[in-house]
Amino acid sequence: MEEADSFSLELKAPGNFFLKLIARGKVTVFVFGGVIVLVGGTVLWINYSQQPTFLPAEIHSQQ
């Protein structure tokens, strides 16, 4: 498997929803109304909130 640099993304979706994530590889983000779908890559950290201030949240991914 090819090792890629991790990247961070922060976006504001309609309805004052804020999404912040750190991922590795190619991640495609789809936003359908209030539903956010992530396709591909490995998500290392994600936070989804209605507030612009984020508190740490963990994701435990299967290895």
PDB file of N, CA and C in Angstrom:
ATOM      1  N   MET A   1       0.849  -1.202   0.000  1.00  0.00           N
ATOM      2  CA  MET A   1       0.000   0.000   0.000  1.00  0.00           C
ATOM      3  C   MET A   1       0.883   1.251   0.000  1.00  0.00           C
ATOM      4  N   GLU A   2       0.527   2.190  -0.793  1.00  0.00           N
ATOM      5  CA  GLU A   2       1.309   3.409  -0.920  1.00  0.00           C
ATOM      6  C   GLU A   2       1.010   4.357   0.229  1.00  0.00           C
ATOM      7  N   GLU A   3       2.062   4.871   0.856  1.00  0.00           N
ATOM      8  CA  GLU A   3       1.901   5.779   1.988  1.00  0.00           C
ATOM      9  C   GLU A   3       1.755   7.205   1.460  1.00  0.00           C
ATOM     10  N   ALA A   4       0.699   7.881   1.891  1.00  0.00           N
ATOM     11  CA  ALA A   4       0.461   9.252   1.446  1.00  0.00           C
ATOM     12  C   ALA A   4       0.504  10.189   2.654  1.00  0.00           C
ATOM     13  N   ASP A   5       0.804  11.438   2.401  1.00  0.00           N
ATOM     14  CA  ASP A   5       0.790  12.417   3.483  1.00  0.00           C
ATOM     15  C   ASP A   5      -0.637  12.631   3.958  1.00  0.00           C
ATOM     16  N   SER A   6      -0.771  12.857   5.238  1.00  0.00           N
ATOM     17  CA  SER A   6      -2.095  13.143   5.770  1.00  0.00           C
ATOM     18  C   SER A   6      -2.430  14.605   5.501  1.00  0.00           C
ATOM     19  N   PHE A   7      -3.715  14.918   5.480  1.00  0.00           N
ATOM     20  CA  PHE A   7      -4.152  16.278   5.243  1.00  0.00           C
ATOM     21  C   PHE A   7      -5.332  16.576   6.150  1.00  0.00           C
ATOM     22  N   SER A   8      -5.565  17.850   6.347  1.00  0.00           N
ATOM     23  CA  SER A   8      -6.714  18.236   7.163  1.00  0.00           C
ATOM     24  C   SER A   8      -7.687  19.025   6.293  1.00  0.00           C
ATOM     25  N   LEU A   9      -8.947  18.957   6.653  1.00  0.00           N
ATOM     26  CA  LEU A   9      -9.998  19.640   5.900  1.00  0.00           C
ATOM     27  C   LEU A   9     -10.998  20.206   6.882  1.00  0.00           C
ATOM     28  N   GLU A  10     -11.392  21.442   6.640  1.00  0.00           N
ATOM     29  CA  GLU A  10     -12.421  22.044   7.467  1.00  0.00           C
ATOM     30  C   GLU A  10     -13.407  22.720   6.527  1.00  0.00           C
ATOM     31  N   LEU A  11     -14.684  22.414   6.683  1.00  0.00           N
ATOM     32  CA  LEU A  11     -15.676  23.027   5.806  1.00  0.00           C
ATOM     33  C   LEU A  11     -16.940  23.347   6.577  1.00  0.00           C
ATOM     34  N   LYS A  12     -17.681  24.279   6.027  1.00  0.00           N
ATOM     35  CA  LYS A  12     -18.950  24.664   6.623  1.00  0.00           C
ATOM     36  C   LYS A  12     -20.048  24.251   5.654  1.00  0.00           C
ATOM     37  N   ALA A  13     -20.902  23.375   6.125  1.00  0.00           N
ATOM     38  CA  ALA A  13     -22.001  22.895   5.298  1.00  0.00           C
ATOM     39  C   ALA A  13     -23.249  23.731   5.565  1.00  0.00           C
ATOM     40  N   PRO A  14     -24.234  23.656   4.689  1.00  0.00           N
ATOM     41  CA  PRO A  14     -25.478  24.405   4.915  1.00  0.00           C
ATOM     42  C   PRO A  14     -26.119  24.028   6.244  1.00  0.00           C
ATOM     43  N   GLY A  15     -26.747  25.008   6.871  1.00  0.00           N
ATOM     44  CA  GLY A  15     -27.401  24.757   8.152  1.00  0.00           C
ATOM     45  C   GLY A  15     -26.462  24.916   9.331  1.00  0.00           C
ATOM     46  N   ASN A  16     -25.368  25.656   9.130  1.00  0.00           N
ATOM     47  CA  ASN A  16     -24.399  25.890  10.193  1.00  0.00           C
ATOM     48  C   ASN A  16     -23.816  24.608  10.764  1.00  0.00           C
ATOM     49  N   PHE A  17     -23.554  23.644   9.894  1.00  0.00           N
ATOM     50  CA  PHE A  17     -22.857  22.433  10.316  1.00  0.00           C
ATOM     51  C   PHE A  17     -21.393  22.566   9.917  1.00  0.00           C
ATOM     52  N   PHE A  18     -20.533  22.237  10.841  1.00  0.00           N
ATOM     53  CA  PHE A  18     -19.103  22.335  10.589  1.00  0.00           C
ATOM     54  C   PHE A  18     -18.494  20.944  10.619  1.00  0.00           C
ATOM     55  N   LEU A  19     -17.665  20.656   9.632  1.00  0.00           N
ATOM     56  CA  LEU A  19     -16.990  19.366   9.553  1.00  0.00           C
ATOM     57  C   LEU A  19     -15.488  19.609   9.535  1.00  0.00           C
ATOM     58  N   LYS A  20     -14.783  18.894  10.389  1.00  0.00           N
ATOM     59  CA  LYS A  20     -13.327  18.991  10.407  1.00  0.00           C
ATOM     60  C   LYS A  20     -12.777  17.583  10.459  1.00  0.00           C
ATOM     61  N   LEU A  21     -11.822  17.289   9.587  1.00  0.00           N
ATOM     62  CA  LEU A  21     -11.273  15.937   9.581  1.00  0.00           C
ATOM     63  C   LEU A  21      -9.808  15.953   9.192  1.00  0.00           C
ATOM     64  N   ILE A  22      -9.129  14.899   9.595  1.00  0.00           N
ATOM     65  CA  ILE A  22      -7.757  14.654   9.171  1.00  0.00           C
ATOM     66  C   ILE A  22      -7.758  13.273   8.535  1.00  0.00           C
ATOM     67  N   ALA A  23      -7.248  13.181   7.329  1.00  0.00           N
ATOM     68  CA  ALA A  23      -7.319  11.916   6.604  1.00  0.00           C
ATOM     69  C   ALA A  23      -6.031  11.668   5.844  1.00  0.00           C
ATOM     70  N   ARG A  24      -5.888  10.427   5.389  1.00  0.00           N
ATOM     71  CA  ARG A  24      -4.719  10.034   4.599  1.00  0.00           C
ATOM     72  C   ARG A  24      -5.214   9.386   3.313  1.00  0.00           C
ATOM     73  N   GLY A  25      -4.580   9.740   2.216  1.00  0.00           N
ATOM     74  CA  GLY A  25      -4.980   9.183   0.922  1.00  0.00           C
ATOM     75  C   GLY A  25      -6.012  10.063   0.238  1.00  0.00           C
ATOM     76  N   LYS A  26      -6.678   9.494  -0.751  1.00  0.00           N
ATOM     77  CA  LYS A  26      -7.704  10.248  -1.484  1.00  0.00           C
ATOM     78  C   LYS A  26      -9.048  10.074  -0.807  1.00  0.00           C
ATOM     79  N   VAL A  27      -9.591  11.166  -0.326  1.00  0.00           N
ATOM     80  CA  VAL A  27     -10.906  11.136   0.312  1.00  0.00           C
ATOM     81  C   VAL A  27     -11.823  12.071  -0.458  1.00  0.00           C
ATOM     82  N   THR A  28     -12.954  11.551  -0.900  1.00  0.00           N
ATOM     83  CA  THR A  28     -13.950  12.364  -1.589  1.00  0.00           C
ATOM     84  C   THR A  28     -15.075  12.673  -0.614  1.00  0.00           C
ATOM     85  N   VAL A  29     -15.424  13.945  -0.521  1.00  0.00           N
ATOM     86  CA  VAL A  29     -16.462  14.370   0.415  1.00  0.00           C
ATOM     87  C   VAL A  29     -17.715  14.750  -0.362  1.00  0.00           C
ATOM     88  N   PHE A  30     -18.811  14.091  -0.047  1.00  0.00           N
ATOM     89  CA  PHE A  30     -20.099  14.429  -0.640  1.00  0.00           C
ATOM     90  C   PHE A  30     -20.996  14.996   0.452  1.00  0.00           C
ATOM     91  N   VAL A  31     -21.705  16.074   0.157  1.00  0.00           N
ATOM     92  CA  VAL A  31     -22.641  16.647   1.111  1.00  0.00           C
ATOM     93  C   VAL A  31     -24.037  16.623   0.496  1.00  0.00           C
ATOM     94  N   PHE A  32     -24.916  15.849   1.101  1.00  0.00           N
ATOM     95  CA  PHE A  32     -26.302  15.775   0.650  1.00  0.00           C
ATOM     96  C   PHE A  32     -27.183  16.309   1.764  1.00  0.00           C
ATOM     97  N   GLY A  33     -27.595  17.557   1.650  1.00  0.00           N
ATOM     98  CA  GLY A  33     -28.379  18.153   2.728  1.00  0.00           C
ATOM     99  C   GLY A  33     -27.556  18.183   3.998  1.00  0.00           C
ATOM    100  N   GLY A  34     -28.009  17.473   5.021  1.00  0.00           N
ATOM    101  CA  GLY A  34     -27.257  17.420   6.270  1.00  0.00           C
ATOM    102  C   GLY A  34     -26.419  16.170   6.400  1.00  0.00           C
ATOM    103  N   VAL A  35     -26.329  15.384   5.321  1.00  0.00           N
ATOM    104  CA  VAL A  35     -25.592  14.127   5.383  1.00  0.00           C
ATOM    105  C   VAL A  35     -24.257  14.288   4.666  1.00  0.00           C
ATOM    106  N   ILE A  36     -23.185  13.970   5.364  1.00  0.00           N
ATOM    107  CA  ILE A  36     -21.858  14.056   4.768  1.00  0.00           C
ATOM    108  C   ILE A  36     -21.329  12.645   4.585  1.00  0.00           C
ATOM    109  N   VAL A  37     -20.921  12.329   3.367  1.00  0.00           N
ATOM    110  CA  VAL A  37     -20.422  10.996   3.042  1.00  0.00           C
ATOM    111  C   VAL A  37     -18.955  11.108   2.628  1.00  0.00           C
ATOM    112  N   LEU A  38     -18.114  10.300   3.259  1.00  0.00           N
ATOM    113  CA  LEU A  38     -16.697  10.272   2.922  1.00  0.00           C
ATOM    114  C   LEU A  38     -16.400   8.961   2.200  1.00  0.00           C
ATOM    115  N   VAL A  39     -15.741   9.053   1.037  1.00  0.00           N
ATOM    116  CA  VAL A  39     -15.450   7.867   0.249  1.00  0.00           C
ATOM    117  C   VAL A  39     -13.940   7.772   0.033  1.00  0.00           C
ATOM    118  N   GLY A  40     -13.383   6.604   0.334  1.00  0.00           N
ATOM    119  CA  GLY A  40     -11.970   6.356   0.087  1.00  0.00           C
ATOM    120  C   GLY A  40     -11.070   6.912   1.178  1.00  0.00           C
ATOM    121  N   GLY A  41      -9.800   6.514   1.103  1.00  0.00           N
ATOM    122  CA  GLY A  41      -8.823   7.014   2.056  1.00  0.00           C
ATOM    123  C   GLY A  41      -9.023   6.461   3.450  1.00  0.00           C
ATOM    124  N   THR A  42      -8.241   6.984   4.373  1.00  0.00           N
ATOM    125  CA  THR A  42      -8.319   6.577   5.771  1.00  0.00           C
ATOM    126  C   THR A  42      -8.523   7.820   6.614  1.00  0.00           C
ATOM    127  N   VAL A  43      -9.620   7.856   7.343  1.00  0.00           N
ATOM    128  CA  VAL A  43      -9.906   9.007   8.193  1.00  0.00           C
ATOM    129  C   VAL A  43      -9.224   8.778   9.538  1.00  0.00           C
ATOM    130  N   LEU A  44      -8.377   9.709   9.911  1.00  0.00           N
ATOM    131  CA  LEU A  44      -7.635   9.581  11.159  1.00  0.00           C
ATOM    132  C   LEU A  44      -8.349  10.299  12.304  1.00  0.00           C
ATOM    133  N   TRP A  45      -9.035  11.357  11.991  1.00  0.00           N
ATOM    134  CA  TRP A  45      -9.703  12.164  13.015  1.00  0.00           C
ATOM    135  C   TRP A  45     -10.842  12.916  12.348  1.00  0.00           C
ATOM    136  N   ILE A  46     -11.991  12.991  13.033  1.00  0.00           N
ATOM    137  CA  ILE A  46     -13.129  13.705  12.442  1.00  0.00           C
ATOM    138  C   ILE A  46     -13.953  14.333  13.549  1.00  0.00           C
ATOM    139  N   ASN A  47     -14.537  15.468  13.249  1.00  0.00           N
ATOM    140  CA  ASN A  47     -15.438  16.121  14.188  1.00  0.00           C
ATOM    141  C   ASN A  47     -16.544  16.785  13.382  1.00  0.00           C
ATOM    142  N   TYR A  48     -17.769  16.575  13.813  1.00  0.00           N
ATOM    143  CA  TYR A  48     -18.944  17.111  13.114  1.00  0.00           C
ATOM    144  C   TYR A  48     -19.792  17.822  14.151  1.00  0.00           C
ATOM    145  N   SER A  49     -20.023  19.088  13.943  1.00  0.00           N
ATOM    146  CA  SER A  49     -20.658  19.882  14.988  1.00  0.00           C
ATOM    147  C   SER A  49     -21.477  21.013  14.383  1.00  0.00           C
ATOM    148  N   GLN A  50     -22.368  21.553  15.187  1.00  0.00           N
ATOM    149  CA  GLN A  50     -23.093  22.752  14.779  1.00  0.00           C
ATOM    150  C   GLN A  50     -22.428  24.000  15.339  1.00  0.00           C
ATOM    151  N   GLN A  51     -21.286  23.822  15.978  1.00  0.00           N
ATOM    152  CA  GLN A  51     -20.539  24.951  16.534  1.00  0.00           C
ATOM    153  C   GLN A  51     -19.192  25.053  15.817  1.00  0.00           C
ATOM    154  N   PRO A  52     -18.701  26.269  15.625  1.00  0.00           N
ATOM    155  CA  PRO A  52     -17.416  26.424  14.942  1.00  0.00           C
ATOM    156  C   PRO A  52     -16.226  26.034  15.817  1.00  0.00           C
ATOM    157  N   THR A  53     -16.434  25.873  17.112  1.00  0.00           N
ATOM    158  CA  THR A  53     -15.356  25.486  18.014  1.00  0.00           C
ATOM    159  C   THR A  53     -15.406  23.980  18.221  1.00  0.00           C
ATOM    160  N   PHE A  54     -14.298  23.328  17.912  1.00  0.00           N
ATOM    161  CA  PHE A  54     -14.276  21.877  17.939  1.00  0.00           C
ATOM    162  C   PHE A  54     -13.648  21.344  19.207  1.00  0.00           C
ATOM    163  N   LEU A  55     -14.239  20.290  19.722  1.00  0.00           N
ATOM    164  CA  LEU A  55     -13.635  19.532  20.806  1.00  0.00           C
ATOM    165  C   LEU A  55     -13.098  18.239  20.206  1.00  0.00           C
ATOM    166  N   PRO A  56     -12.027  17.708  20.756  1.00  0.00           N
ATOM    167  CA  PRO A  56     -11.444  16.484  20.182  1.00  0.00           C
ATOM    168  C   PRO A  56     -12.437  15.331  20.145  1.00  0.00           C
ATOM    169  N   ALA A  57     -12.427  14.618  19.051  1.00  0.00           N
ATOM    170  CA  ALA A  57     -13.246  13.420  18.903  1.00  0.00           C
ATOM    171  C   ALA A  57     -12.380  12.360  18.253  1.00  0.00           C
ATOM    172  N   GLU A  58     -12.546  11.131  18.672  1.00  0.00           N
ATOM    173  CA  GLU A  58     -11.693  10.073  18.161  1.00  0.00           C
ATOM    174  C   GLU A  58     -12.496   9.113  17.288  1.00  0.00           C
ATOM    175  N   ILE A  59     -11.804   8.586  16.296  1.00  0.00           N
ATOM    176  CA  ILE A  59     -12.384   7.529  15.470  1.00  0.00           C
ATOM    177  C   ILE A  59     -11.448   6.334  15.574  1.00  0.00           C
ATOM    178  N   HIS A  60     -12.018   5.191  15.874  1.00  0.00           N
ATOM    179  CA  HIS A  60     -11.217   3.976  15.947  1.00  0.00           C
ATOM    180  C   HIS A  60     -11.467   3.195  14.657  1.00  0.00           C
ATOM    181  N   SER A  61     -10.470   3.207  13.782  1.00  0.00           N
ATOM    182  CA  SER A  61     -10.630   2.528  12.502  1.00  0.00           C
ATOM    183  C   SER A  61     -10.045   1.128  12.593  1.00  0.00           C
ATOM    184  N   GLN A  62     -10.600   0.239  11.798  1.00  0.00           N
ATOM    185  CA  GLN A  62     -10.101  -1.135  11.758  1.00  0.00           C
ATOM    186  C   GLN A  62      -8.838  -1.179  10.922  1.00  0.00           C
ATOM    187  N   GLN A  63      -7.847  -1.881  11.421  1.00  0.00           N
ATOM    188  CA  GLN A  63      -6.570  -1.999  10.703  1.00  0.00           C
ATOM    189  C   GLN A  63      -6.557  -3.265   9.883  1.00  0.00           C
TER     190      GLN A  63
END
